[in-house]
PDB file of N, CA and C in Angstrom:
ATOM      1  N   UNK A   1     -39.479  12.538  45.826  1.00  0.00           N
ATOM      2  CA  UNK A   1     -38.568  11.596  45.201  1.00  0.00           C
ATOM      3  C   UNK A   1     -38.797  11.563  43.698  1.00  0.00           C
ATOM      4  N   UNK A   2     -40.071  11.464  43.294  1.00  0.00           N
ATOM      5  CA  UNK A   2     -40.406  11.437  41.877  1.00  0.00           C
ATOM      6  C   UNK A   2     -39.987  12.740  41.205  1.00  0.00           C
ATOM      7  N   UNK A   3     -40.137  13.822  41.932  1.00  0.00           N
ATOM      8  CA  UNK A   3     -39.790  15.138  41.402  1.00  0.00           C
ATOM      9  C   UNK A   3     -38.284  15.214  41.116  1.00  0.00           C
ATOM     10  N   UNK A   4     -37.469  14.629  42.007  1.00  0.00           N
ATOM     11  CA  UNK A   4     -36.014  14.626  41.803  1.00  0.00           C
ATOM     12  C   UNK A   4     -35.631  13.824  40.565  1.00  0.00           C
ATOM     13  N   UNK A   5     -36.256  12.665  40.379  1.00  0.00           N
ATOM     14  CA  UNK A   5     -35.984  11.860  39.193  1.00  0.00           C
ATOM     15  C   UNK A   5     -36.411  12.577  37.921  1.00  0.00           C
ATOM     16  N   UNK A   6     -37.540  13.252  37.994  1.00  0.00           N
ATOM     17  CA  UNK A   6     -38.035  14.004  36.850  1.00  0.00           C
ATOM     18  C   UNK A   6     -37.078  15.144  36.484  1.00  0.00           C
ATOM     19  N   UNK A   7     -36.598  15.850  37.488  1.00  0.00           N
ATOM     20  CA  UNK A   7     -35.636  16.938  37.245  1.00  0.00           C
ATOM     21  C   UNK A   7     -34.338  16.375  36.673  1.00  0.00           C
ATOM     22  N   UNK A   8     -33.867  15.274  37.233  1.00  0.00           N
ATOM     23  CA  UNK A   8     -32.652  14.631  36.720  1.00  0.00           C
ATOM     24  C   UNK A   8     -32.840  14.168  35.282  1.00  0.00           C
ATOM     25  N   UNK A   9     -33.991  13.591  34.984  1.00  0.00           N
ATOM     26  CA  UNK A   9     -34.276  13.135  33.622  1.00  0.00           C
ATOM     27  C   UNK A   9     -34.248  14.297  32.638  1.00  0.00           C
ATOM     28  N   UNK A  10     -34.926  15.386  32.982  1.00  0.00           N
ATOM     29  CA  UNK A  10     -34.939  16.547  32.091  1.00  0.00           C
ATOM     30  C   UNK A  10     -33.551  17.166  31.954  1.00  0.00           C
ATOM     31  N   UNK A  11     -32.819  17.213  33.044  1.00  0.00           N
ATOM     32  CA  UNK A  11     -31.466  17.775  32.986  1.00  0.00           C
ATOM     33  C   UNK A  11     -30.589  16.972  32.040  1.00  0.00           C
ATOM     34  N   UNK A  12     -30.596  15.636  32.186  1.00  0.00           N
ATOM     35  CA  UNK A  12     -29.774  14.797  31.319  1.00  0.00           C
ATOM     36  C   UNK A  12     -30.242  14.845  29.869  1.00  0.00           C
ATOM     37  N   UNK A  13     -31.525  14.884  29.670  1.00  0.00           N
ATOM     38  CA  UNK A  13     -32.078  14.906  28.325  1.00  0.00           C
ATOM     39  C   UNK A  13     -31.771  16.210  27.619  1.00  0.00           C
ATOM     40  N   UNK A  14     -31.950  17.314  28.283  1.00  0.00           N
ATOM     41  CA  UNK A  14     -31.778  18.613  27.650  1.00  0.00           C
ATOM     42  C   UNK A  14     -30.318  19.071  27.614  1.00  0.00           C
ATOM     43  N   UNK A  15     -29.461  18.463  28.410  1.00  0.00           N
ATOM     44  CA  UNK A  15     -28.059  18.881  28.411  1.00  0.00           C
ATOM     45  C   UNK A  15     -27.235  18.123  27.374  1.00  0.00           C
ATOM     46  N   UNK A  16     -27.813  17.132  26.727  1.00  0.00           N
ATOM     47  CA  UNK A  16     -27.083  16.399  25.705  1.00  0.00           C
ATOM     48  C   UNK A  16     -26.389  15.160  26.245  1.00  0.00           C
ATOM     49  N   UNK A  17     -26.608  14.797  27.486  1.00  0.00           N
ATOM     50  CA  UNK A  17     -25.984  13.613  28.077  1.00  0.00           C
ATOM     51  C   UNK A  17     -26.918  12.409  27.999  1.00  0.00           C
ATOM     52  N   UNK A  18     -27.776  12.380  27.020  1.00  0.00           N
ATOM     53  CA  UNK A  18     -28.741  11.292  26.910  1.00  0.00           C
ATOM     54  C   UNK A  18     -28.406  10.438  25.694  1.00  0.00           C
ATOM     55  N   UNK A  19     -29.222   9.468  25.465  1.00  0.00           N
ATOM     56  CA  UNK A  19     -29.026   8.564  24.339  1.00  0.00           C
ATOM     57  C   UNK A  19     -29.201   9.305  23.010  1.00  0.00           C
ATOM     58  N   UNK A  20     -28.646   8.744  21.902  1.00  0.00           N
ATOM     59  CA  UNK A  20     -28.767   9.412  20.609  1.00  0.00           C
ATOM     60  C   UNK A  20     -30.201   9.572  20.120  1.00  0.00           C
ATOM     61  N   UNK A  21     -31.145   8.861  20.686  1.00  0.00           N
ATOM     62  CA  UNK A  21     -32.534   8.985  20.272  1.00  0.00           C
ATOM     63  C   UNK A  21     -33.134  10.340  20.604  1.00  0.00           C
ATOM     64  N   UNK A  22     -32.469  11.112  21.413  1.00  0.00           N
ATOM     65  CA  UNK A  22     -32.985  12.418  21.796  1.00  0.00           C
ATOM     66  C   UNK A  22     -32.509  13.518  20.860  1.00  0.00           C
ATOM     67  N   UNK A  23     -31.991  13.161  19.709  1.00  0.00           N
ATOM     68  CA  UNK A  23     -31.461  14.158  18.781  1.00  0.00           C
ATOM     69  C   UNK A  23     -32.555  15.074  18.252  1.00  0.00           C
ATOM     70  N   UNK A  24     -33.783  14.617  18.255  1.00  0.00           N
ATOM     71  CA  UNK A  24     -34.879  15.447  17.760  1.00  0.00           C
ATOM     72  C   UNK A  24     -35.316  16.495  18.776  1.00  0.00           C
ATOM     73  N   UNK A  25     -34.827  16.416  19.992  1.00  0.00           N
ATOM     74  CA  UNK A  25     -35.213  17.394  21.000  1.00  0.00           C
ATOM     75  C   UNK A  25     -34.610  18.764  20.696  1.00  0.00           C
ATOM     76  N   UNK A  26     -33.448  18.798  20.077  1.00  0.00           N
ATOM     77  CA  UNK A  26     -32.806  20.079  19.759  1.00  0.00           C
ATOM     78  C   UNK A  26     -33.684  20.975  18.913  1.00  0.00           C
ATOM     79  N   UNK A  27     -34.148  20.493  17.753  1.00  0.00           N
ATOM     80  CA  UNK A  27     -35.033  21.330  16.933  1.00  0.00           C
ATOM     81  C   UNK A  27     -36.362  21.659  17.608  1.00  0.00           C
ATOM     82  N   UNK A  28     -36.893  20.735  18.398  1.00  0.00           N
ATOM     83  CA  UNK A  28     -38.165  21.034  19.057  1.00  0.00           C
ATOM     84  C   UNK A  28     -37.979  22.103  20.125  1.00  0.00           C
ATOM     85  N   UNK A  29     -36.833  22.074  20.800  1.00  0.00           N
ATOM     86  CA  UNK A  29     -36.555  23.115  21.789  1.00  0.00           C
ATOM     87  C   UNK A  29     -36.373  24.448  21.077  1.00  0.00           C
ATOM     88  N   UNK A  30     -35.684  24.423  19.930  1.00  0.00           N
ATOM     89  CA  UNK A  30     -35.502  25.648  19.153  1.00  0.00           C
ATOM     90  C   UNK A  30     -36.849  26.199  18.697  1.00  0.00           C
ATOM     91  N   UNK A  31     -37.725  25.309  18.235  1.00  0.00           N
ATOM     92  CA  UNK A  31     -39.045  25.753  17.782  1.00  0.00           C
ATOM     93  C   UNK A  31     -39.851  26.329  18.939  1.00  0.00           C
ATOM     94  N   UNK A  32     -39.749  25.713  20.096  1.00  0.00           N
ATOM     95  CA  UNK A  32     -40.497  26.210  21.257  1.00  0.00           C
ATOM     96  C   UNK A  32     -39.936  27.544  21.738  1.00  0.00           C
ATOM     97  N   UNK A  33     -38.614  27.681  21.664  1.00  0.00           N
ATOM     98  CA  UNK A  33     -37.984  28.898  22.176  1.00  0.00           C
ATOM     99  C   UNK A  33     -38.216  30.086  21.231  1.00  0.00           C
ATOM    100  N   UNK A  34     -38.022  29.854  19.915  1.00  0.00           N
ATOM    101  CA  UNK A  34     -38.128  30.962  18.960  1.00  0.00           C
ATOM    102  C   UNK A  34     -39.515  31.089  18.361  1.00  0.00           C
ATOM    103  N   UNK A  35     -40.265  29.996  18.371  1.00  0.00           N
ATOM    104  CA  UNK A  35     -41.594  30.036  17.778  1.00  0.00           C
ATOM    105  C   UNK A  35     -41.551  29.920  16.267  1.00  0.00           C
ATOM    106  N   UNK A  36     -40.416  29.585  15.719  1.00  0.00           N
ATOM    107  CA  UNK A  36     -40.271  29.530  14.270  1.00  0.00           C
ATOM    108  C   UNK A  36     -39.875  28.120  13.831  1.00  0.00           C
ATOM    109  N   UNK A  37     -40.660  27.569  12.934  1.00  0.00           N
ATOM    110  CA  UNK A  37     -40.315  26.254  12.389  1.00  0.00           C
ATOM    111  C   UNK A  37     -39.117  26.347  11.452  1.00  0.00           C
ATOM    112  N   UNK A  38     -38.904  27.506  10.856  1.00  0.00           N
ATOM    113  CA  UNK A  38     -37.743  27.680   9.971  1.00  0.00           C
ATOM    114  C   UNK A  38     -36.443  27.554  10.765  1.00  0.00           C
ATOM    115  N   UNK A  39     -36.419  28.146  11.948  1.00  0.00           N
ATOM    116  CA  UNK A  39     -35.232  28.035  12.786  1.00  0.00           C
ATOM    117  C   UNK A  39     -35.016  26.593  13.226  1.00  0.00           C
ATOM    118  N   UNK A  40     -36.103  25.916  13.550  1.00  0.00           N
ATOM    119  CA  UNK A  40     -35.992  24.518  13.967  1.00  0.00           C
ATOM    120  C   UNK A  40     -35.486  23.657  12.820  1.00  0.00           C
ATOM    121  N   UNK A  41     -35.990  23.907  11.624  1.00  0.00           N
ATOM    122  CA  UNK A  41     -35.522  23.165  10.447  1.00  0.00           C
ATOM    123  C   UNK A  41     -34.058  23.438  10.159  1.00  0.00           C
ATOM    124  N   UNK A  42     -33.656  24.698  10.308  1.00  0.00           N
ATOM    125  CA  UNK A  42     -32.248  25.046  10.088  1.00  0.00           C
ATOM    126  C   UNK A  42     -31.363  24.387  11.131  1.00  0.00           C
ATOM    127  N   UNK A  43     -31.847  24.320  12.356  1.00  0.00           N
ATOM    128  CA  UNK A  43     -31.096  23.666  13.431  1.00  0.00           C
ATOM    129  C   UNK A  43     -30.909  22.186  13.123  1.00  0.00           C
ATOM    130  N   UNK A  44     -31.981  21.537  12.706  1.00  0.00           N
ATOM    131  CA  UNK A  44     -31.907  20.108  12.380  1.00  0.00           C
ATOM    132  C   UNK A  44     -31.008  19.874  11.169  1.00  0.00           C
ATOM    133  N   UNK A  45     -31.138  20.700  10.142  1.00  0.00           N
ATOM    134  CA  UNK A  45     -30.336  20.530   8.931  1.00  0.00           C
ATOM    135  C   UNK A  45     -28.852  20.731   9.224  1.00  0.00           C
ATOM    136  N   UNK A  46     -28.521  21.744   9.995  1.00  0.00           N
ATOM    137  CA  UNK A  46     -27.109  21.970  10.309  1.00  0.00           C
ATOM    138  C   UNK A  46     -26.553  20.820  11.142  1.00  0.00           C
ATOM    139  N   UNK A  47     -27.374  20.290  12.032  1.00  0.00           N
ATOM    140  CA  UNK A  47     -26.958  19.138  12.828  1.00  0.00           C
ATOM    141  C   UNK A  47     -26.657  17.936  11.933  1.00  0.00           C
ATOM    142  N   UNK A  48     -27.519  17.699  10.950  1.00  0.00           N
ATOM    143  CA  UNK A  48     -27.311  16.577  10.034  1.00  0.00           C
ATOM    144  C   UNK A  48     -26.075  16.784   9.156  1.00  0.00           C
ATOM    145  N   UNK A  49     -25.839  18.013   8.714  1.00  0.00           N
ATOM    146  CA  UNK A  49     -24.658  18.299   7.891  1.00  0.00           C
ATOM    147  C   UNK A  49     -23.388  18.028   8.679  1.00  0.00           C
ATOM    148  N   UNK A  50     -23.364  18.456   9.927  1.00  0.00           N
ATOM    149  CA  UNK A  50     -22.185  18.227  10.762  1.00  0.00           C
ATOM    150  C   UNK A  50     -21.980  16.734  10.993  1.00  0.00           C
ATOM    151  N   UNK A  51     -23.054  16.006  11.221  1.00  0.00           N
ATOM    152  CA  UNK A  51     -22.961  14.563  11.442  1.00  0.00           C
ATOM    153  C   UNK A  51     -22.411  13.858  10.203  1.00  0.00           C
ATOM    154  N   UNK A  52     -22.922  14.205   9.026  1.00  0.00           N
ATOM    155  CA  UNK A  52     -22.452  13.585   7.778  1.00  0.00           C
ATOM    156  C   UNK A  52     -20.994  13.947   7.513  1.00  0.00           C
ATOM    157  N   UNK A  53     -20.618  15.179   7.821  1.00  0.00           N
ATOM    158  CA  UNK A  53     -19.240  15.605   7.610  1.00  0.00           C
ATOM    159  C   UNK A  53     -18.294  14.814   8.501  1.00  0.00           C
ATOM    160  N   UNK A  54     -18.661  14.603   9.748  1.00  0.00           N
ATOM    161  CA  UNK A  54     -17.835  13.811  10.659  1.00  0.00           C
ATOM    162  C   UNK A  54     -17.675  12.388  10.150  1.00  0.00           C
ATOM    163  N   UNK A  55     -18.768  11.798   9.664  1.00  0.00           N
ATOM    164  CA  UNK A  55     -18.702  10.434   9.142  1.00  0.00           C
ATOM    165  C   UNK A  55     -17.786  10.347   7.933  1.00  0.00           C
ATOM    166  N   UNK A  56     -17.904  11.315   7.019  1.00  0.00           N
ATOM    167  CA  UNK A  56     -17.056  11.266   5.828  1.00  0.00           C
ATOM    168  C   UNK A  56     -15.595  11.520   6.180  1.00  0.00           C
ATOM    169  N   UNK A  57     -15.323  12.348   7.177  1.00  0.00           N
ATOM    170  CA  UNK A  57     -13.938  12.560   7.600  1.00  0.00           C
ATOM    171  C   UNK A  57     -13.347  11.294   8.203  1.00  0.00           C
ATOM    172  N   UNK A  58     -14.165  10.534   8.937  1.00  0.00           N
ATOM    173  CA  UNK A  58     -13.690   9.261   9.474  1.00  0.00           C
ATOM    174  C   UNK A  58     -13.351   8.289   8.348  1.00  0.00           C
ATOM    175  N   UNK A  59     -14.201   8.249   7.307  1.00  0.00           N
ATOM    176  CA  UNK A  59     -13.938   7.368   6.169  1.00  0.00           C
ATOM    177  C   UNK A  59     -12.662   7.777   5.443  1.00  0.00           C
ATOM    178  N   UNK A  60     -12.464   9.082   5.281  1.00  0.00           N
ATOM    179  CA  UNK A  60     -11.259   9.571   4.606  1.00  0.00           C
ATOM    180  C   UNK A  60     -10.025   9.215   5.427  1.00  0.00           C
ATOM    181  N   UNK A  61     -10.119   9.368   6.729  1.00  0.00           N
ATOM    182  CA  UNK A  61      -8.982   9.043   7.590  1.00  0.00           C
ATOM    183  C   UNK A  61      -8.635   7.562   7.499  1.00  0.00           C
ATOM    184  N   UNK A  62      -9.674   6.711   7.476  1.00  0.00           N
ATOM    185  CA  UNK A  62      -9.446   5.273   7.362  1.00  0.00           C
ATOM    186  C   UNK A  62      -8.809   4.937   6.017  1.00  0.00           C
ATOM    187  N   UNK A  63      -9.268   5.574   4.951  1.00  0.00           N
ATOM    188  CA  UNK A  63      -8.701   5.330   3.621  1.00  0.00           C
ATOM    189  C   UNK A  63      -7.251   5.796   3.561  1.00  0.00           C
ATOM    190  N   UNK A  64      -6.952   6.929   4.205  1.00  0.00           N
ATOM    191  CA  UNK A  64      -5.582   7.429   4.221  1.00  0.00           C
ATOM    192  C   UNK A  64      -4.652   6.450   4.918  1.00  0.00           C
ATOM    193  N   UNK A  65      -5.126   5.840   6.010  1.00  0.00           N
ATOM    194  CA  UNK A  65      -4.267   4.884   6.709  1.00  0.00           C
ATOM    195  C   UNK A  65      -3.986   3.678   5.835  1.00  0.00           C
ATOM    196  N   UNK A  66      -4.978   3.209   5.106  1.00  0.00           N
ATOM    197  CA  UNK A  66      -4.769   2.068   4.215  1.00  0.00           C
ATOM    198  C   UNK A  66      -3.773   2.430   3.124  1.00  0.00           C
ATOM    199  N   UNK A  67      -3.922   3.616   2.548  1.00  0.00           N
ATOM    200  CA  UNK A  67      -3.007   4.049   1.491  1.00  0.00           C
ATOM    201  C   UNK A  67      -1.592   4.188   2.033  1.00  0.00           C
ATOM    202  N   UNK A  68      -1.442   4.775   3.224  1.00  0.00           N
ATOM    203  CA  UNK A  68      -0.114   4.922   3.814  1.00  0.00           C
ATOM    204  C   UNK A  68       0.523   3.568   4.089  1.00  0.00           C
ATOM    205  N   UNK A  69      -0.264   2.599   4.524  1.00  0.00           N
ATOM    206  CA  UNK A  69       0.267   1.260   4.764  1.00  0.00           C
ATOM    207  C   UNK A  69       0.761   0.645   3.459  1.00  0.00           C
ATOM    208  N   UNK A  70      -0.010   0.807   2.386  1.00  0.00           N
ATOM    209  CA  UNK A  70       0.400   0.261   1.098  1.00  0.00           C
ATOM    210  C   UNK A  70       1.653   0.954   0.579  1.00  0.00           C
ATOM    211  N   UNK A  71       1.728   2.267   0.765  1.00  0.00           N
ATOM    212  CA  UNK A  71       2.921   3.001   0.334  1.00  0.00           C
ATOM    213  C   UNK A  71       4.135   2.531   1.120  1.00  0.00           C
ATOM    214  N   UNK A  72       3.978   2.320   2.417  1.00  0.00           N
ATOM    215  CA  UNK A  72       5.094   1.827   3.230  1.00  0.00           C
ATOM    216  C   UNK A  72       5.542   0.445   2.777  1.00  0.00           C
ATOM    217  N   UNK A  73       4.613  -0.422   2.425  1.00  0.00           N
ATOM    218  CA  UNK A  73       4.974  -1.745   1.942  1.00  0.00           C
ATOM    219  C   UNK A  73       5.762  -1.661   0.642  1.00  0.00           C
ATOM    220  N   UNK A  74       5.312  -0.800  -0.277  1.00  0.00           N
ATOM    221  CA  UNK A  74       6.018  -0.632  -1.543  1.00  0.00           C
ATOM    222  C   UNK A  74       7.403  -0.043  -1.289  1.00  0.00           C
ATOM    223  N   UNK A  75       7.494   0.922  -0.396  1.00  0.00           N
ATOM    224  CA  UNK A  75       8.778   1.544  -0.074  1.00  0.00           C
ATOM    225  C   UNK A  75       9.747   0.522   0.519  1.00  0.00           C
ATOM    226  N   UNK A  76       9.262  -0.316   1.424  1.00  0.00           N
ATOM    227  CA  UNK A  76      10.107  -1.348   2.014  1.00  0.00           C
ATOM    228  C   UNK A  76      10.582  -2.336   0.959  1.00  0.00           C
ATOM    229  N   UNK A  77       9.704  -2.699   0.024  1.00  0.00           N
ATOM    230  CA  UNK A  77      10.093  -3.623  -1.050  1.00  0.00           C
ATOM    231  C   UNK A  77      11.169  -2.998  -1.925  1.00  0.00           C
ATOM    232  N   UNK A  78      11.012  -1.720  -2.240  1.00  0.00           N
ATOM    233  CA  UNK A  78      12.019  -1.035  -3.057  1.00  0.00           C
ATOM    234  C   UNK A  78      13.351  -0.982  -2.319  1.00  0.00           C
ATOM    235  N   UNK A  79      13.316  -0.689  -1.025  1.00  0.00           N
ATOM    236  CA  UNK A  79      14.549  -0.656  -0.244  1.00  0.00           C
ATOM    237  C   UNK A  79      15.213  -2.027  -0.200  1.00  0.00           C
ATOM    238  N   UNK A  80      14.427  -3.089  -0.022  1.00  0.00           N
ATOM    239  CA  UNK A  80      14.994  -4.446  -0.019  1.00  0.00           C
ATOM    240  C   UNK A  80      15.626  -4.768  -1.362  1.00  0.00           C
ATOM    241  N   UNK A  81      14.930  -4.415  -2.455  1.00  0.00           N
ATOM    242  CA  UNK A  81      15.471  -4.677  -3.785  1.00  0.00           C
ATOM    243  C   UNK A  81      16.769  -3.918  -4.008  1.00  0.00           C
ATOM    244  N   UNK A  82      16.806  -2.645  -3.593  1.00  0.00           N
ATOM    245  CA  UNK A  82      18.032  -1.854  -3.739  1.00  0.00           C
ATOM    246  C   UNK A  82      19.154  -2.427  -2.891  1.00  0.00           C
ATOM    247  N   UNK A  83      18.829  -2.871  -1.674  1.00  0.00           N
ATOM    248  CA  UNK A  83      19.839  -3.471  -0.810  1.00  0.00           C
ATOM    249  C   UNK A  83      20.382  -4.743  -1.437  1.00  0.00           C
ATOM    250  N   UNK A  84      19.488  -5.556  -2.017  1.00  0.00           N
ATOM    251  CA  UNK A  84      19.936  -6.782  -2.690  1.00  0.00           C
ATOM    252  C   UNK A  84      20.837  -6.457  -3.872  1.00  0.00           C
ATOM    253  N   UNK A  85      20.533  -5.413  -4.623  1.00  0.00           N
ATOM    254  CA  UNK A  85      21.368  -5.016  -5.752  1.00  0.00           C
ATOM    255  C   UNK A  85      22.745  -4.591  -5.274  1.00  0.00           C
ATOM    256  N   UNK A  86      22.778  -3.844  -4.167  1.00  0.00           N
ATOM    257  CA  UNK A  86      24.060  -3.390  -3.624  1.00  0.00           C
ATOM    258  C   UNK A  86      24.879  -4.581  -3.149  1.00  0.00           C
ATOM    259  N   UNK A  87      24.231  -5.512  -2.459  1.00  0.00           N
ATOM    260  CA  UNK A  87      24.936  -6.696  -1.969  1.00  0.00           C
ATOM    261  C   UNK A  87      25.457  -7.514  -3.144  1.00  0.00           C
ATOM    262  N   UNK A  88      24.610  -7.703  -4.164  1.00  0.00           N
ATOM    263  CA  UNK A  88      25.043  -8.467  -5.333  1.00  0.00           C
ATOM    264  C   UNK A  88      26.181  -7.760  -6.056  1.00  0.00           C
ATOM    265  N   UNK A  89      26.093  -6.445  -6.155  1.00  0.00           N
ATOM    266  CA  UNK A  89      27.141  -5.686  -6.826  1.00  0.00           C
ATOM    267  C   UNK A  89      28.455  -5.809  -6.061  1.00  0.00           C
ATOM    268  N   UNK A  90      28.395  -5.691  -4.730  1.00  0.00           N
ATOM    269  CA  UNK A  90      29.627  -5.794  -3.947  1.00  0.00           C
ATOM    270  C   UNK A  90      30.192  -7.210  -4.015  1.00  0.00           C
ATOM    271  N   UNK A  91      29.324  -8.222  -4.030  1.00  0.00           N
ATOM    272  CA  UNK A  91      29.807  -9.598  -4.171  1.00  0.00           C
ATOM    273  C   UNK A  91      30.391  -9.820  -5.558  1.00  0.00           C
ATOM    274  N   UNK A  92      29.755  -9.220  -6.576  1.00  0.00           N
ATOM    275  CA  UNK A  92      30.294  -9.341  -7.927  1.00  0.00           C
ATOM    276  C   UNK A  92      31.643  -8.644  -8.018  1.00  0.00           C
ATOM    277  N   UNK A  93      31.765  -7.467  -7.433  1.00  0.00           N
ATOM    278  CA  UNK A  93      33.050  -6.765  -7.419  1.00  0.00           C
ATOM    279  C   UNK A  93      34.116  -7.587  -6.713  1.00  0.00           C
ATOM    280  N   UNK A  94      33.748  -8.182  -5.585  1.00  0.00           N
ATOM    281  CA  UNK A  94      34.687  -9.027  -4.847  1.00  0.00           C
ATOM    282  C   UNK A  94      35.113 -10.225  -5.684  1.00  0.00           C
ATOM    283  N   UNK A  95      34.167 -10.830  -6.384  1.00  0.00           N
ATOM    284  CA  UNK A  95      34.474 -11.987  -7.229  1.00  0.00           C
ATOM    285  C   UNK A  95      35.439 -11.598  -8.352  1.00  0.00           C
ATOM    286  N   UNK A  96      35.125 -10.494  -9.047  1.00  0.00           N
ATOM    287  CA  UNK A  96      35.989 -10.090 -10.157  1.00  0.00           C
ATOM    288  C   UNK A  96      37.367  -9.676  -9.666  1.00  0.00           C
ATOM    289  N   UNK A  97      37.440  -9.035  -8.507  1.00  0.00           N
ATOM    290  CA  UNK A  97      38.732  -8.640  -7.949  1.00  0.00           C
ATOM    291  C   UNK A  97      39.557  -9.882  -7.610  1.00  0.00           C
ATOM    292  N   UNK A  98      38.911 -10.891  -7.026  1.00  0.00           N
ATOM    293  CA  UNK A  98      39.599 -12.133  -6.685  1.00  0.00           C
ATOM    294  C   UNK A  98      40.094 -12.842  -7.934  1.00  0.00           C
ATOM    295  N   UNK A  99      39.237 -12.903  -8.956  1.00  0.00           N
ATOM    296  CA  UNK A  99      39.647 -13.545 -10.207  1.00  0.00           C
ATOM    297  C   UNK A  99      40.813 -12.799 -10.826  1.00  0.00           C
ATOM    298  N   UNK A 100      40.751 -11.485 -10.826  1.00  0.00           N
ATOM    299  CA  UNK A 100      41.820 -10.665 -11.399  1.00  0.00           C
ATOM    300  C   UNK A 100      43.124 -10.883 -10.636  1.00  0.00           C
ATOM    301  N   UNK A 101      43.058 -10.935  -9.302  1.00  0.00           N
ATOM    302  CA  UNK A 101      44.264 -11.190  -8.498  1.00  0.00           C
ATOM    303  C   UNK A 101      44.829 -12.574  -8.785  1.00  0.00           C
ATOM    304  N   UNK A 102      43.955 -13.565  -8.877  1.00  0.00           N
ATOM    305  CA  UNK A 102      44.399 -14.924  -9.154  1.00  0.00           C
ATOM    306  C   UNK A 102      45.032 -15.044 -10.545  1.00  0.00           C
ATOM    307  N   UNK A 103      44.415 -14.339 -11.530  1.00  0.00           N
ATOM    308  CA  UNK A 103      44.981 -14.348 -12.865  1.00  0.00           C
ATOM    309  C   UNK A 103      46.350 -13.665 -12.884  1.00  0.00           C
ATOM    310  N   UNK A 104      46.466 -12.596 -12.084  1.00  0.00           N
ATOM    311  CA  UNK A 104      47.728 -11.872 -12.022  1.00  0.00           C
ATOM    312  C   UNK A 104      48.815 -12.716 -11.361  1.00  0.00           C
ATOM    313  N   UNK A 105      48.456 -13.547 -10.404  1.00  0.00           N
ATOM    314  CA  UNK A 105      49.442 -14.380  -9.711  1.00  0.00           C
ATOM    315  C   UNK A 105      49.929 -15.506 -10.622  1.00  0.00           C
ATOM    316  N   UNK A 106      49.049 -16.101 -11.392  1.00  0.00           N
ATOM    317  CA  UNK A 106      49.397 -17.286 -12.152  1.00  0.00           C
ATOM    318  C   UNK A 106      49.807 -16.970 -13.580  1.00  0.00           C
ATOM    319  N   UNK A 107      49.762 -15.772 -14.047  1.00  0.00           N
ATOM    320  CA  UNK A 107      50.178 -15.423 -15.418  1.00  0.00           C
ATOM    321  C   UNK A 107      51.513 -14.802 -15.408  1.00  0.00           C
TER     322      UNK A 107
END
């Protein structure tokens, strides 16, 4: 029974299905397999570079969403302002046309 749990523990730990605290096992396994600390260091460094790159990409994505939201708000405001100008212009045209017709009737 203990042997089965031990095998399961090692399987989960070495397959990457374990908690993030086992991240140091990768370089140690590399060092044990190749016998070279340089390879283990390169393995750890590349792992850290990939992790930092993923984090910075998430930050960039979040910033892009904020910028897109702000751009959409500005675009909507511009559209509302243009719509108001069109409505005011058409109402002004209607007013002047009515005044002109009324002046034409009474003169």
